[in-house]
Amino acid sequence: MNTTTALAGAPRTWTSDVRRLIHRCVGRSRRDALTPVVYGLSILRRGPSLALSGEIDLASVPLLRHTVGQILSRGDRTIACDLTAVTFCDISGVNAFLEASRRATAAGGSLQLTHVSPKLTRLLTLTGTSALLLPHAPTPTPRPANGGLQLRPPGARR
């Protein structure tokens, strides 16, 4: 999809297209809204829950941020994001989830990701953000400061 001609008519920026599509979609129902597929991401909103499908990357992050902002501005504080149908998420998506979590926490709530793929779980673990976003984040096993070596005093036998 070309960013300058995403919709029929005169060339526009992709942010104006996203806003226009969201406003057209949200007009159907304030409680349940299906955001159309924009740049490979589709969001089904059911109250404070989001069911995402497709790809979450740099092009689709503004749509995710806008949708989370709408939920928080409506007064909902706890947001659950179902990622069952998400096929790809890069670091910009992780960053968007962290920003959304920060905004929800500042509002007295939380954001949690559910049904996260093993690849995304690995990315969250490697970046140290799994404890912030996953409901039951695996706790890393502590490693000894000496790297696991057993030190013995001089002259001690094995």
N, C-alpha and C. Protein backbone atom coordinates (compact mmCIF):
# COMPACT_ATOMS: atom_id res chain seq x y z
N MET A 1 0.85 -1.17 0.00
CA MET A 1 0.00 0.00 0.00
C MET A 1 0.89 1.23 0.00
N ASN A 2 0.69 2.09 -0.95
CA ASN A 2 1.48 3.30 -1.06
C ASN A 2 1.05 4.29 0.01
N THR A 3 2.01 4.87 0.73
CA THR A 3 1.66 5.76 1.84
C THR A 3 1.04 7.06 1.38
N THR A 4 1.27 7.46 0.14
CA THR A 4 0.68 8.73 -0.31
C THR A 4 -0.68 8.54 -0.96
N THR A 5 -1.01 7.32 -1.36
CA THR A 5 -2.31 7.09 -1.98
C THR A 5 -3.01 5.91 -1.32
N ALA A 6 -3.02 5.87 -0.03
CA ALA A 6 -3.63 4.76 0.70
C ALA A 6 -5.13 4.73 0.47
N LEU A 7 -5.75 5.87 0.28
CA LEU A 7 -7.17 5.95 0.03
C LEU A 7 -7.38 6.67 -1.30
N ALA A 8 -8.54 6.43 -1.90
CA ALA A 8 -8.83 7.08 -3.17
C ALA A 8 -8.89 8.59 -2.98
N GLY A 9 -8.44 9.33 -3.97
CA GLY A 9 -8.49 10.78 -3.87
C GLY A 9 -7.11 11.39 -3.91
N ALA A 10 -7.02 12.60 -3.41
CA ALA A 10 -5.76 13.33 -3.43
C ALA A 10 -4.75 12.69 -2.50
N PRO A 11 -3.46 12.84 -2.80
CA PRO A 11 -2.43 12.29 -1.92
C PRO A 11 -2.53 12.86 -0.51
N ARG A 12 -2.36 12.01 0.48
CA ARG A 12 -2.41 12.40 1.88
C ARG A 12 -1.26 11.72 2.61
N THR A 13 -0.99 12.18 3.81
CA THR A 13 -0.01 11.49 4.63
C THR A 13 -0.68 10.29 5.26
N TRP A 14 0.12 9.31 5.66
CA TRP A 14 -0.47 8.09 6.23
C TRP A 14 -1.15 8.37 7.56
N THR A 15 -0.72 9.39 8.33
CA THR A 15 -1.37 9.66 9.61
C THR A 15 -2.78 10.20 9.41
N SER A 16 -2.97 11.03 8.40
CA SER A 16 -4.33 11.52 8.15
C SER A 16 -5.22 10.39 7.69
N ASP A 17 -4.68 9.46 6.91
CA ASP A 17 -5.46 8.30 6.47
C ASP A 17 -5.88 7.45 7.66
N VAL A 18 -4.94 7.20 8.57
CA VAL A 18 -5.24 6.40 9.75
C VAL A 18 -6.32 7.08 10.58
N ARG A 19 -6.18 8.38 10.82
CA ARG A 19 -7.19 9.10 11.60
C ARG A 19 -8.55 9.03 10.94
N ARG A 20 -8.58 9.23 9.62
CA ARG A 20 -9.86 9.21 8.92
C ARG A 20 -10.50 7.83 8.99
N LEU A 21 -9.71 6.78 8.81
CA LEU A 21 -10.26 5.42 8.89
C LEU A 21 -10.75 5.10 10.29
N ILE A 22 -10.02 5.55 11.29
CA ILE A 22 -10.44 5.29 12.67
C ILE A 22 -11.73 6.01 12.98
N HIS A 23 -11.83 7.27 12.58
CA HIS A 23 -13.06 8.02 12.85
C HIS A 23 -14.26 7.42 12.13
N ARG A 24 -14.05 6.95 10.90
CA ARG A 24 -15.14 6.32 10.17
C ARG A 24 -15.56 5.02 10.85
N CYS A 25 -14.59 4.27 11.33
CA CYS A 25 -14.89 2.99 11.97
C CYS A 25 -15.50 3.17 13.36
N VAL A 26 -14.96 4.08 14.14
CA VAL A 26 -15.44 4.29 15.51
C VAL A 26 -16.87 4.83 15.48
N GLY A 27 -17.25 5.50 14.41
CA GLY A 27 -18.60 6.02 14.32
C GLY A 27 -19.67 4.95 14.37
N ARG A 28 -19.33 3.71 14.00
CA ARG A 28 -20.31 2.62 14.03
C ARG A 28 -20.69 2.24 15.44
N SER A 29 -19.73 2.14 16.30
CA SER A 29 -20.00 1.73 17.67
C SER A 29 -18.86 2.21 18.55
N ARG A 30 -19.19 2.82 19.63
CA ARG A 30 -18.15 3.31 20.53
C ARG A 30 -17.59 2.16 21.38
N ARG A 31 -18.37 1.14 21.64
CA ARG A 31 -17.94 0.06 22.52
C ARG A 31 -17.17 -1.02 21.76
N ASP A 32 -17.68 -1.44 20.62
CA ASP A 32 -17.03 -2.46 19.81
C ASP A 32 -16.73 -1.86 18.45
N ALA A 33 -15.48 -1.81 18.08
CA ALA A 33 -15.13 -1.25 16.79
C ALA A 33 -14.07 -2.11 16.14
N LEU A 34 -14.26 -2.35 14.86
CA LEU A 34 -13.26 -3.06 14.09
C LEU A 34 -12.50 -2.03 13.28
N THR A 35 -11.25 -1.85 13.61
CA THR A 35 -10.42 -0.92 12.87
C THR A 35 -9.99 -1.63 11.59
N PRO A 36 -10.18 -1.00 10.45
CA PRO A 36 -9.82 -1.68 9.20
C PRO A 36 -8.33 -1.96 9.13
N VAL A 37 -7.98 -2.89 8.26
CA VAL A 37 -6.57 -3.25 8.10
C VAL A 37 -5.83 -2.07 7.49
N VAL A 38 -4.87 -1.56 8.22
CA VAL A 38 -4.04 -0.45 7.76
C VAL A 38 -2.61 -0.90 7.91
N TYR A 39 -1.88 -0.94 6.81
CA TYR A 39 -0.48 -1.33 6.85
C TYR A 39 -0.28 -2.69 7.51
N GLY A 40 -1.18 -3.62 7.29
CA GLY A 40 -1.00 -4.98 7.77
C GLY A 40 -1.43 -5.24 9.19
N LEU A 41 -2.09 -4.29 9.86
CA LEU A 41 -2.55 -4.49 11.23
C LEU A 41 -4.05 -4.26 11.30
N SER A 42 -4.74 -5.17 11.98
CA SER A 42 -6.16 -5.02 12.21
C SER A 42 -6.40 -5.12 13.71
N ILE A 43 -7.26 -4.24 14.23
CA ILE A 43 -7.53 -4.22 15.67
C ILE A 43 -9.02 -4.34 15.89
N LEU A 44 -9.44 -5.35 16.62
CA LEU A 44 -10.83 -5.49 17.03
C LEU A 44 -10.91 -5.04 18.48
N ARG A 45 -11.69 -4.00 18.71
CA ARG A 45 -11.77 -3.42 20.05
C ARG A 45 -13.08 -3.83 20.70
N ARG A 46 -12.99 -4.46 21.85
CA ARG A 46 -14.16 -4.83 22.64
C ARG A 46 -13.98 -4.25 24.02
N GLY A 47 -14.51 -3.05 24.21
CA GLY A 47 -14.33 -2.39 25.49
C GLY A 47 -12.85 -2.13 25.72
N PRO A 48 -12.31 -2.55 26.86
CA PRO A 48 -10.90 -2.31 27.13
C PRO A 48 -9.98 -3.40 26.58
N SER A 49 -10.52 -4.34 25.81
CA SER A 49 -9.70 -5.42 25.26
C SER A 49 -9.45 -5.18 23.78
N LEU A 50 -8.26 -5.54 23.34
CA LEU A 50 -7.89 -5.42 21.94
C LEU A 50 -7.50 -6.79 21.42
N ALA A 51 -8.02 -7.16 20.26
CA ALA A 51 -7.58 -8.37 19.57
C ALA A 51 -6.85 -7.90 18.32
N LEU A 52 -5.54 -8.07 18.30
CA LEU A 52 -4.73 -7.61 17.19
C LEU A 52 -4.44 -8.75 16.24
N SER A 53 -4.37 -8.43 14.96
CA SER A 53 -3.99 -9.44 13.98
C SER A 53 -3.16 -8.77 12.90
N GLY A 54 -2.24 -9.53 12.35
CA GLY A 54 -1.37 -9.01 11.31
C GLY A 54 0.00 -8.68 11.84
N GLU A 55 0.59 -7.63 11.28
CA GLU A 55 1.96 -7.24 11.61
C GLU A 55 1.99 -5.94 12.40
N ILE A 56 2.80 -5.93 13.45
CA ILE A 56 3.00 -4.71 14.24
C ILE A 56 4.43 -4.25 13.96
N ASP A 57 4.53 -3.17 13.21
CA ASP A 57 5.83 -2.63 12.86
C ASP A 57 5.76 -1.12 12.84
N LEU A 58 6.80 -0.48 12.35
CA LEU A 58 6.89 0.97 12.37
C LEU A 58 5.72 1.65 11.67
N ALA A 59 5.21 1.03 10.61
CA ALA A 59 4.10 1.63 9.86
C ALA A 59 2.77 1.51 10.59
N SER A 60 2.58 0.48 11.40
CA SER A 60 1.29 0.26 12.05
C SER A 60 1.24 0.71 13.50
N VAL A 61 2.36 1.11 14.07
CA VAL A 61 2.41 1.54 15.46
C VAL A 61 1.51 2.75 15.75
N PRO A 62 1.43 3.76 14.86
CA PRO A 62 0.54 4.89 15.16
C PRO A 62 -0.92 4.48 15.36
N LEU A 63 -1.38 3.49 14.61
CA LEU A 63 -2.74 2.99 14.79
C LEU A 63 -2.92 2.37 16.17
N LEU A 64 -1.94 1.60 16.60
CA LEU A 64 -1.99 0.98 17.93
C LEU A 64 -1.98 2.05 19.02
N ARG A 65 -1.10 3.03 18.89
CA ARG A 65 -1.04 4.12 19.88
C ARG A 65 -2.35 4.88 19.96
N HIS A 66 -2.93 5.17 18.81
CA HIS A 66 -4.18 5.92 18.77
C HIS A 66 -5.31 5.14 19.43
N THR A 67 -5.38 3.84 19.15
CA THR A 67 -6.44 3.01 19.72
C THR A 67 -6.30 2.91 21.23
N VAL A 68 -5.08 2.72 21.73
CA VAL A 68 -4.85 2.68 23.17
C VAL A 68 -5.21 4.02 23.81
N GLY A 69 -4.85 5.11 23.14
CA GLY A 69 -5.20 6.44 23.64
C GLY A 69 -6.70 6.64 23.75
N GLN A 70 -7.45 6.12 22.77
CA GLN A 70 -8.92 6.21 22.82
C GLN A 70 -9.48 5.45 24.01
N ILE A 71 -8.95 4.27 24.25
CA ILE A 71 -9.45 3.46 25.36
C ILE A 71 -9.17 4.17 26.69
N LEU A 72 -7.96 4.71 26.84
CA LEU A 72 -7.63 5.39 28.09
C LEU A 72 -8.43 6.68 28.26
N SER A 73 -8.67 7.40 27.18
CA SER A 73 -9.44 8.64 27.29
C SER A 73 -10.91 8.37 27.60
N ARG A 74 -11.38 7.18 27.28
CA ARG A 74 -12.76 6.81 27.59
C ARG A 74 -12.94 6.46 29.06
N GLY A 75 -11.84 6.27 29.78
CA GLY A 75 -11.94 6.00 31.20
C GLY A 75 -11.53 4.60 31.60
N ASP A 76 -11.34 3.71 30.64
CA ASP A 76 -10.86 2.36 30.96
C ASP A 76 -9.40 2.44 31.36
N ARG A 77 -9.02 1.68 32.36
CA ARG A 77 -7.65 1.75 32.87
C ARG A 77 -6.85 0.48 32.62
N THR A 78 -7.50 -0.66 32.56
CA THR A 78 -6.81 -1.92 32.35
C THR A 78 -7.08 -2.38 30.92
N ILE A 79 -6.02 -2.62 30.17
CA ILE A 79 -6.13 -3.00 28.78
C ILE A 79 -5.48 -4.36 28.59
N ALA A 80 -6.20 -5.27 27.94
CA ALA A 80 -5.66 -6.58 27.61
C ALA A 80 -5.54 -6.66 26.09
N CYS A 81 -4.36 -7.02 25.61
CA CYS A 81 -4.11 -7.14 24.18
C CYS A 81 -3.91 -8.61 23.83
N ASP A 82 -4.85 -9.15 23.06
CA ASP A 82 -4.76 -10.54 22.60
C ASP A 82 -3.96 -10.57 21.31
N LEU A 83 -2.82 -11.23 21.34
CA LEU A 83 -1.92 -11.26 20.19
C LEU A 83 -1.93 -12.60 19.47
N THR A 84 -3.02 -13.35 19.59
CA THR A 84 -3.11 -14.68 18.97
C THR A 84 -2.82 -14.62 17.48
N ALA A 85 -3.39 -13.65 16.78
CA ALA A 85 -3.27 -13.58 15.32
C ALA A 85 -2.17 -12.65 14.83
N VAL A 86 -1.30 -12.21 15.71
CA VAL A 86 -0.18 -11.35 15.30
C VAL A 86 0.90 -12.24 14.68
N THR A 87 1.28 -11.90 13.45
CA THR A 87 2.27 -12.71 12.74
C THR A 87 3.68 -12.15 12.84
N PHE A 88 3.81 -10.86 13.21
CA PHE A 88 5.13 -10.23 13.29
C PHE A 88 5.05 -9.04 14.22
N CYS A 89 6.08 -8.85 15.02
CA CYS A 89 6.19 -7.67 15.87
C CYS A 89 7.66 -7.34 16.02
N ASP A 90 8.03 -6.12 15.60
CA ASP A 90 9.42 -5.72 15.74
C ASP A 90 9.59 -4.84 16.98
N ILE A 91 10.76 -4.28 17.15
CA ILE A 91 11.07 -3.53 18.36
C ILE A 91 10.24 -2.26 18.46
N SER A 92 9.80 -1.71 17.34
CA SER A 92 8.92 -0.53 17.41
C SER A 92 7.57 -0.91 18.01
N GLY A 93 7.11 -2.12 17.75
CA GLY A 93 5.89 -2.61 18.38
C GLY A 93 6.06 -2.81 19.87
N VAL A 94 7.20 -3.37 20.26
CA VAL A 94 7.50 -3.54 21.69
C VAL A 94 7.55 -2.17 22.37
N ASN A 95 8.17 -1.20 21.70
CA ASN A 95 8.24 0.15 22.24
C ASN A 95 6.84 0.76 22.39
N ALA A 96 5.96 0.50 21.43
CA ALA A 96 4.59 1.01 21.52
C ALA A 96 3.85 0.36 22.69
N PHE A 97 4.07 -0.93 22.91
CA PHE A 97 3.45 -1.60 24.05
C PHE A 97 3.98 -1.04 25.37
N LEU A 98 5.28 -0.75 25.43
CA LEU A 98 5.86 -0.17 26.64
C LEU A 98 5.29 1.22 26.91
N GLU A 99 5.14 2.01 25.86
CA GLU A 99 4.56 3.35 26.01
C GLU A 99 3.11 3.25 26.48
N ALA A 100 2.36 2.31 25.90
CA ALA A 100 0.97 2.11 26.30
C ALA A 100 0.88 1.64 27.74
N SER A 101 1.80 0.78 28.14
CA SER A 101 1.84 0.31 29.53
C SER A 101 2.13 1.46 30.48
N ARG A 102 3.07 2.32 30.09
CA ARG A 102 3.42 3.48 30.91
C ARG A 102 2.22 4.42 31.04
N ARG A 103 1.50 4.65 29.94
CA ARG A 103 0.33 5.52 29.99
C ARG A 103 -0.79 4.91 30.84
N ALA A 104 -0.99 3.61 30.72
CA ALA A 104 -2.03 2.95 31.52
C ALA A 104 -1.65 2.96 33.00
N THR A 105 -0.39 2.75 33.32
CA THR A 105 0.07 2.78 34.71
C THR A 105 -0.09 4.18 35.29
N ALA A 106 0.23 5.20 34.50
CA ALA A 106 0.08 6.58 34.95
C ALA A 106 -1.39 6.91 35.23
N ALA A 107 -2.30 6.23 34.53
CA ALA A 107 -3.72 6.45 34.72
C ALA A 107 -4.29 5.56 35.83
N GLY A 108 -3.43 4.77 36.47
CA GLY A 108 -3.88 3.91 37.56
C GLY A 108 -4.30 2.52 37.12
N GLY A 109 -3.90 2.12 35.93
CA GLY A 109 -4.28 0.80 35.41
C GLY A 109 -3.08 0.00 34.97
N SER A 110 -3.29 -0.87 33.98
CA SER A 110 -2.19 -1.68 33.48
C SER A 110 -2.49 -2.14 32.05
N LEU A 111 -1.47 -2.60 31.37
CA LEU A 111 -1.61 -3.19 30.05
C LEU A 111 -0.93 -4.54 30.09
N GLN A 112 -1.63 -5.56 29.61
CA GLN A 112 -1.04 -6.89 29.58
C GLN A 112 -1.26 -7.51 28.22
N LEU A 113 -0.23 -8.23 27.76
CA LEU A 113 -0.29 -8.94 26.50
C LEU A 113 -0.65 -10.39 26.78
N THR A 114 -1.58 -10.93 26.00
CA THR A 114 -1.97 -12.33 26.17
C THR A 114 -1.78 -13.08 24.86
N HIS A 115 -1.61 -14.37 24.95
CA HIS A 115 -1.42 -15.26 23.81
C HIS A 115 -0.26 -14.77 22.93
N VAL A 116 0.86 -14.55 23.57
CA VAL A 116 2.04 -14.03 22.90
C VAL A 116 2.80 -15.19 22.26
N SER A 117 3.26 -15.00 21.03
CA SER A 117 4.00 -16.05 20.33
C SER A 117 5.36 -16.29 21.01
N PRO A 118 5.93 -17.47 20.81
CA PRO A 118 7.25 -17.74 21.40
C PRO A 118 8.33 -16.77 20.92
N LYS A 119 8.26 -16.34 19.66
CA LYS A 119 9.26 -15.39 19.15
C LYS A 119 9.16 -14.04 19.85
N LEU A 120 7.94 -13.56 20.04
CA LEU A 120 7.77 -12.29 20.72
C LEU A 120 8.12 -12.42 22.20
N THR A 121 7.79 -13.55 22.81
CA THR A 121 8.18 -13.79 24.20
C THR A 121 9.70 -13.74 24.33
N ARG A 122 10.39 -14.34 23.37
CA ARG A 122 11.86 -14.32 23.39
C ARG A 122 12.38 -12.89 23.25
N LEU A 123 11.77 -12.09 22.34
CA LEU A 123 12.19 -10.70 22.17
C LEU A 123 11.96 -9.90 23.45
N LEU A 124 10.82 -10.12 24.11
CA LEU A 124 10.54 -9.42 25.36
C LEU A 124 11.52 -9.85 26.46
N THR A 125 11.88 -11.13 26.48
CA THR A 125 12.83 -11.62 27.48
C THR A 125 14.22 -11.04 27.23
N LEU A 126 14.65 -11.03 25.97
CA LEU A 126 15.98 -10.50 25.65
C LEU A 126 16.09 -9.01 25.95
N THR A 127 15.00 -8.28 25.77
CA THR A 127 15.04 -6.84 26.04
C THR A 127 14.74 -6.51 27.49
N GLY A 128 14.41 -7.52 28.29
CA GLY A 128 14.14 -7.30 29.71
C GLY A 128 12.79 -6.66 29.99
N THR A 129 11.87 -6.76 29.05
CA THR A 129 10.56 -6.12 29.21
C THR A 129 9.42 -7.10 29.47
N SER A 130 9.72 -8.38 29.55
CA SER A 130 8.66 -9.37 29.74
C SER A 130 7.94 -9.19 31.07
N ALA A 131 8.64 -8.80 32.10
CA ALA A 131 8.01 -8.60 33.41
C ALA A 131 7.02 -7.44 33.39
N LEU A 132 7.23 -6.49 32.49
CA LEU A 132 6.34 -5.33 32.40
C LEU A 132 5.08 -5.61 31.59
N LEU A 133 5.16 -6.53 30.62
CA LEU A 133 4.06 -6.70 29.68
C LEU A 133 3.33 -8.03 29.76
N LEU A 134 4.00 -9.07 30.20
CA LEU A 134 3.37 -10.38 30.23
C LEU A 134 2.75 -10.64 31.60
N PRO A 135 1.55 -11.25 31.65
CA PRO A 135 0.90 -11.47 32.94
C PRO A 135 1.68 -12.40 33.86
N HIS A 136 2.27 -13.43 33.30
CA HIS A 136 3.04 -14.38 34.10
C HIS A 136 4.41 -14.52 33.47
N ALA A 137 5.19 -13.48 33.59
CA ALA A 137 6.51 -13.47 32.96
C ALA A 137 7.42 -14.46 33.65
N PRO A 138 8.18 -15.21 32.85
CA PRO A 138 9.14 -16.13 33.45
C PRO A 138 10.22 -15.33 34.19
N THR A 139 10.49 -15.72 35.40
CA THR A 139 11.53 -15.02 36.15
C THR A 139 12.87 -15.64 35.82
N PRO A 140 13.82 -14.83 35.44
CA PRO A 140 15.13 -15.39 35.11
C PRO A 140 15.81 -15.93 36.35
N THR A 141 16.51 -17.04 36.18
CA THR A 141 17.22 -17.62 37.32
C THR A 141 18.45 -16.77 37.59
N PRO A 142 18.67 -16.40 38.84
CA PRO A 142 19.83 -15.57 39.15
C PRO A 142 21.12 -16.33 38.94
N ARG A 143 22.09 -15.64 38.38
CA ARG A 143 23.40 -16.25 38.17
C ARG A 143 24.34 -15.76 39.25
N PRO A 144 25.19 -16.63 39.74
CA PRO A 144 26.17 -16.20 40.73
C PRO A 144 27.08 -15.12 40.15
N ALA A 145 27.54 -14.24 41.00
CA ALA A 145 28.39 -13.13 40.57
C ALA A 145 29.70 -13.63 39.95
N ASN A 146 30.16 -14.80 40.37
CA ASN A 146 31.44 -15.31 39.86
C ASN A 146 31.25 -16.18 38.62
N GLY A 147 30.07 -16.17 38.02
CA GLY A 147 29.83 -16.93 36.80
C GLY A 147 29.61 -18.41 37.04
N GLY A 148 29.35 -18.83 38.25
CA GLY A 148 29.07 -20.22 38.54
C GLY A 148 30.28 -21.02 38.95
N LEU A 149 31.42 -20.38 39.07
CA LEU A 149 32.63 -21.09 39.49
C LEU A 149 32.59 -21.32 40.99
N GLN A 150 33.01 -22.49 41.38
CA GLN A 150 33.10 -22.77 42.81
C GLN A 150 34.53 -22.50 43.26
N LEU A 151 34.68 -21.53 44.11
CA LEU A 151 36.01 -21.18 44.59
C LEU A 151 36.29 -21.91 45.90
N ARG A 152 37.49 -22.48 45.97
CA ARG A 152 37.91 -23.18 47.19
C ARG A 152 39.12 -22.48 47.77
N PRO A 153 39.22 -22.54 49.06
CA PRO A 153 40.43 -21.95 49.67
C PRO A 153 41.68 -22.72 49.24
N PRO A 154 42.81 -22.05 49.24
CA PRO A 154 44.06 -22.73 48.84
C PRO A 154 44.31 -23.93 49.72
N GLY A 155 44.71 -25.01 49.12
CA GLY A 155 45.04 -26.24 49.86
C GLY A 155 43.85 -27.14 50.10
N ALA A 156 42.66 -26.73 49.71
CA ALA A 156 41.47 -27.58 49.93
C ALA A 156 41.43 -28.66 48.87
N ARG A 157 40.94 -29.83 49.26
CA ARG A 157 40.83 -30.95 48.33
C ARG A 157 39.48 -30.92 47.63
N ARG A 158 39.47 -31.55 46.48
CA ARG A 158 38.23 -31.66 45.72
C ARG A 158 37.34 -32.67 46.29
